Amino acid sequence: MADARSERHPSARAQPSRDQEDRKQNFVQESWAELRKVEWPSQNQVIQGTVVVLVACIVVGAYLYVNDQVWKQVVSKLLLGQ
């Protein structure tokens, strides 16, 4: 059965062509060259960005918690009559 499959699908054979290997190597080289062009953030910029994200998470979390508590009371009193 494996022989019939490999005859129908020649790409099922595990040998990559030289062209595929060249393309992979070219991709890696070009990717590495692009990474050298990147202007990476400084440590101070990373810390500032992290603080902004953490503060935003805390603010949104607090808002959602308060909103949940308010709606829990509204549903409890008005809809469930408790």
N, C-alpha and C. Protein backbone atom coordinates (compact mmCIF):
# COMPACT_ATOMS: atom_id res chain seq x y z
N MET A 1 0.82 -1.20 0.00
CA MET A 1 0.00 0.00 0.00
C MET A 1 0.87 1.26 0.00
N ALA A 2 2.00 1.23 0.73
CA ALA A 2 2.89 2.38 0.77
C ALA A 2 3.48 2.66 -0.61
N ASP A 3 3.75 1.59 -1.38
CA ASP A 3 4.30 1.78 -2.72
C ASP A 3 3.31 2.51 -3.61
N ALA A 4 2.06 2.15 -3.54
CA ALA A 4 1.04 2.79 -4.37
C ALA A 4 0.90 4.26 -3.98
N ARG A 5 0.99 4.56 -2.69
CA ARG A 5 0.86 5.95 -2.24
C ARG A 5 2.02 6.79 -2.77
N SER A 6 3.24 6.27 -2.69
CA SER A 6 4.38 7.05 -3.15
C SER A 6 4.36 7.22 -4.66
N GLU A 7 3.77 6.28 -5.39
CA GLU A 7 3.65 6.44 -6.83
C GLU A 7 2.64 7.53 -7.17
N ARG A 8 1.56 7.61 -6.40
CA ARG A 8 0.55 8.64 -6.66
C ARG A 8 1.03 10.01 -6.22
N HIS A 9 1.80 10.06 -5.15
CA HIS A 9 2.27 11.32 -4.58
C HIS A 9 3.78 11.31 -4.51
N PRO A 10 4.44 11.76 -5.53
CA PRO A 10 5.91 11.74 -5.50
C PRO A 10 6.48 12.58 -4.37
N SER A 11 5.74 13.59 -3.92
CA SER A 11 6.25 14.43 -2.84
C SER A 11 6.23 13.69 -1.51
N ALA A 12 5.57 12.54 -1.43
CA ALA A 12 5.53 11.78 -0.20
C ALA A 12 6.89 11.17 0.12
N ARG A 13 7.74 11.07 -0.88
CA ARG A 13 9.10 10.59 -0.63
C ARG A 13 9.86 11.67 0.12
N ALA A 14 10.66 11.29 1.09
CA ALA A 14 11.22 12.22 2.07
C ALA A 14 12.40 13.05 1.56
N GLN A 15 12.90 12.85 0.37
CA GLN A 15 14.08 13.56 -0.10
C GLN A 15 13.72 14.96 -0.60
N PRO A 16 14.11 16.01 0.14
CA PRO A 16 13.86 17.36 -0.37
C PRO A 16 14.82 17.67 -1.51
N SER A 17 14.34 18.44 -2.46
CA SER A 17 15.18 18.79 -3.60
C SER A 17 16.21 19.84 -3.19
N ARG A 18 17.21 19.99 -4.00
CA ARG A 18 18.27 20.98 -3.74
C ARG A 18 17.67 22.38 -3.77
N ASP A 19 16.69 22.59 -4.65
CA ASP A 19 16.04 23.90 -4.75
C ASP A 19 15.34 24.26 -3.44
N GLN A 20 14.68 23.28 -2.82
CA GLN A 20 14.01 23.54 -1.55
C GLN A 20 15.01 23.89 -0.46
N GLU A 21 16.13 23.20 -0.44
CA GLU A 21 17.16 23.49 0.56
C GLU A 21 17.74 24.89 0.34
N ASP A 22 17.96 25.26 -0.92
CA ASP A 22 18.47 26.60 -1.23
C ASP A 22 17.49 27.67 -0.80
N ARG A 23 16.19 27.41 -1.04
CA ARG A 23 15.17 28.38 -0.64
C ARG A 23 15.11 28.54 0.86
N LYS A 24 15.23 27.42 1.59
CA LYS A 24 15.22 27.50 3.06
C LYS A 24 16.42 28.29 3.56
N GLN A 25 17.59 28.01 3.01
CA GLN A 25 18.80 28.71 3.43
C GLN A 25 18.69 30.20 3.10
N ASN A 26 18.17 30.51 1.93
CA ASN A 26 17.97 31.91 1.53
C ASN A 26 17.00 32.61 2.47
N PHE A 27 15.93 31.92 2.84
CA PHE A 27 14.95 32.50 3.75
C PHE A 27 15.59 32.84 5.10
N VAL A 28 16.38 31.90 5.62
CA VAL A 28 17.03 32.13 6.91
C VAL A 28 18.01 33.29 6.82
N GLN A 29 18.79 33.36 5.75
CA GLN A 29 19.74 34.44 5.58
C GLN A 29 19.04 35.79 5.48
N GLU A 30 17.97 35.85 4.72
CA GLU A 30 17.22 37.11 4.57
C GLU A 30 16.54 37.50 5.87
N SER A 31 16.03 36.53 6.60
CA SER A 31 15.39 36.82 7.89
C SER A 31 16.41 37.37 8.87
N TRP A 32 17.58 36.77 8.90
CA TRP A 32 18.64 37.23 9.81
C TRP A 32 19.07 38.65 9.45
N ALA A 33 19.17 38.94 8.15
CA ALA A 33 19.54 40.28 7.70
C ALA A 33 18.48 41.29 8.13
N GLU A 34 17.20 40.94 8.04
CA GLU A 34 16.13 41.85 8.47
C GLU A 34 16.17 42.08 9.97
N LEU A 35 16.49 41.03 10.73
CA LEU A 35 16.56 41.18 12.19
C LEU A 35 17.68 42.13 12.60
N ARG A 36 18.75 42.18 11.81
CA ARG A 36 19.85 43.11 12.11
C ARG A 36 19.42 44.56 11.89
N LYS A 37 18.43 44.78 11.02
CA LYS A 37 17.96 46.14 10.71
C LYS A 37 17.00 46.68 11.77
N VAL A 38 16.45 45.80 12.59
CA VAL A 38 15.43 46.21 13.56
C VAL A 38 16.05 47.12 14.62
N GLU A 39 15.34 48.19 14.95
CA GLU A 39 15.76 49.04 16.05
C GLU A 39 15.05 48.54 17.30
N TRP A 40 15.76 47.77 18.10
CA TRP A 40 15.18 47.14 19.28
C TRP A 40 14.97 48.18 20.37
N PRO A 41 13.91 48.04 21.17
CA PRO A 41 13.67 49.01 22.25
C PRO A 41 14.72 48.89 23.34
N SER A 42 14.95 50.01 24.01
CA SER A 42 15.89 50.00 25.13
C SER A 42 15.22 49.35 26.34
N GLN A 43 16.02 49.06 27.35
CA GLN A 43 15.46 48.44 28.56
C GLN A 43 14.42 49.37 29.19
N ASN A 44 14.69 50.68 29.17
CA ASN A 44 13.76 51.63 29.75
C ASN A 44 12.43 51.62 28.99
N GLN A 45 12.47 51.52 27.67
CA GLN A 45 11.24 51.48 26.88
C GLN A 45 10.45 50.20 27.15
N VAL A 46 11.15 49.10 27.33
CA VAL A 46 10.47 47.84 27.63
C VAL A 46 9.80 47.92 29.00
N ILE A 47 10.49 48.48 29.96
CA ILE A 47 9.91 48.61 31.31
C ILE A 47 8.69 49.52 31.27
N GLN A 48 8.80 50.65 30.58
CA GLN A 48 7.66 51.57 30.48
C GLN A 48 6.46 50.90 29.80
N GLY A 49 6.71 50.18 28.73
CA GLY A 49 5.63 49.48 28.03
C GLY A 49 4.99 48.44 28.91
N THR A 50 5.79 47.72 29.68
CA THR A 50 5.26 46.70 30.59
C THR A 50 4.39 47.33 31.67
N VAL A 51 4.84 48.45 32.20
CA VAL A 51 4.06 49.14 33.24
C VAL A 51 2.73 49.61 32.67
N VAL A 52 2.75 50.14 31.46
CA VAL A 52 1.50 50.61 30.83
C VAL A 52 0.52 49.44 30.67
N VAL A 53 1.02 48.30 30.21
CA VAL A 53 0.15 47.14 30.02
C VAL A 53 -0.41 46.65 31.36
N LEU A 54 0.44 46.58 32.39
CA LEU A 54 -0.02 46.11 33.70
C LEU A 54 -1.07 47.06 34.29
N VAL A 55 -0.84 48.36 34.18
CA VAL A 55 -1.82 49.34 34.70
C VAL A 55 -3.13 49.21 33.94
N ALA A 56 -3.05 49.07 32.62
CA ALA A 56 -4.27 48.92 31.83
C ALA A 56 -5.03 47.67 32.24
N CYS A 57 -4.31 46.57 32.48
CA CYS A 57 -4.98 45.33 32.91
C CYS A 57 -5.66 45.51 34.27
N ILE A 58 -5.01 46.20 35.17
CA ILE A 58 -5.59 46.43 36.50
C ILE A 58 -6.83 47.31 36.39
N VAL A 59 -6.75 48.36 35.59
CA VAL A 59 -7.90 49.26 35.43
C VAL A 59 -9.08 48.53 34.81
N VAL A 60 -8.84 47.79 33.75
CA VAL A 60 -9.93 47.06 33.08
C VAL A 60 -10.48 45.98 34.01
N GLY A 61 -9.59 45.29 34.72
CA GLY A 61 -10.04 44.27 35.66
C GLY A 61 -10.91 44.86 36.76
N ALA A 62 -10.51 46.01 37.30
CA ALA A 62 -11.30 46.66 38.35
C ALA A 62 -12.66 47.09 37.81
N TYR A 63 -12.66 47.65 36.59
CA TYR A 63 -13.92 48.07 35.98
C TYR A 63 -14.85 46.87 35.79
N LEU A 64 -14.33 45.78 35.28
CA LEU A 64 -15.16 44.59 35.06
C LEU A 64 -15.66 44.02 36.39
N TYR A 65 -14.83 44.03 37.43
CA TYR A 65 -15.25 43.53 38.73
C TYR A 65 -16.40 44.37 39.30
N VAL A 66 -16.24 45.69 39.26
CA VAL A 66 -17.28 46.58 39.78
C VAL A 66 -18.56 46.42 38.97
N ASN A 67 -18.43 46.37 37.66
CA ASN A 67 -19.59 46.20 36.80
C ASN A 67 -20.30 44.89 37.11
N ASP A 68 -19.53 43.82 37.31
CA ASP A 68 -20.11 42.52 37.64
C ASP A 68 -20.86 42.56 38.97
N GLN A 69 -20.27 43.22 39.95
CA GLN A 69 -20.92 43.31 41.26
C GLN A 69 -22.23 44.11 41.19
N VAL A 70 -22.23 45.19 40.42
CA VAL A 70 -23.44 46.00 40.27
C VAL A 70 -24.52 45.20 39.57
N TRP A 71 -24.20 44.55 38.45
CA TRP A 71 -25.19 43.79 37.72
C TRP A 71 -25.67 42.57 38.48
N LYS A 72 -24.83 42.01 39.33
CA LYS A 72 -25.25 40.89 40.16
C LYS A 72 -26.36 41.34 41.11
N GLN A 73 -26.20 42.52 41.67
CA GLN A 73 -27.22 43.05 42.57
C GLN A 73 -28.50 43.39 41.81
N VAL A 74 -28.35 43.98 40.62
CA VAL A 74 -29.52 44.35 39.81
C VAL A 74 -30.32 43.10 39.44
N VAL A 75 -29.65 42.09 38.96
CA VAL A 75 -30.33 40.86 38.56
C VAL A 75 -30.95 40.19 39.78
N SER A 76 -30.23 40.17 40.88
CA SER A 76 -30.73 39.53 42.09
C SER A 76 -32.01 40.20 42.60
N LYS A 77 -32.01 41.53 42.62
CA LYS A 77 -33.15 42.26 43.19
C LYS A 77 -34.32 42.38 42.23
N LEU A 78 -34.04 42.74 40.98
CA LEU A 78 -35.13 43.01 40.04
C LEU A 78 -35.66 41.76 39.34
N LEU A 79 -34.78 40.90 38.89
CA LEU A 79 -35.23 39.77 38.09
C LEU A 79 -35.54 38.53 38.93
N LEU A 80 -34.78 38.31 39.99
CA LEU A 80 -34.99 37.13 40.79
C LEU A 80 -35.83 37.41 42.04
N GLY A 81 -36.01 38.69 42.37
CA GLY A 81 -36.85 39.09 43.51
C GLY A 81 -36.29 38.65 44.85
N GLN A 82 -34.98 38.62 44.99
CA GLN A 82 -34.39 38.19 46.27
C GLN A 82 -33.97 39.37 47.08
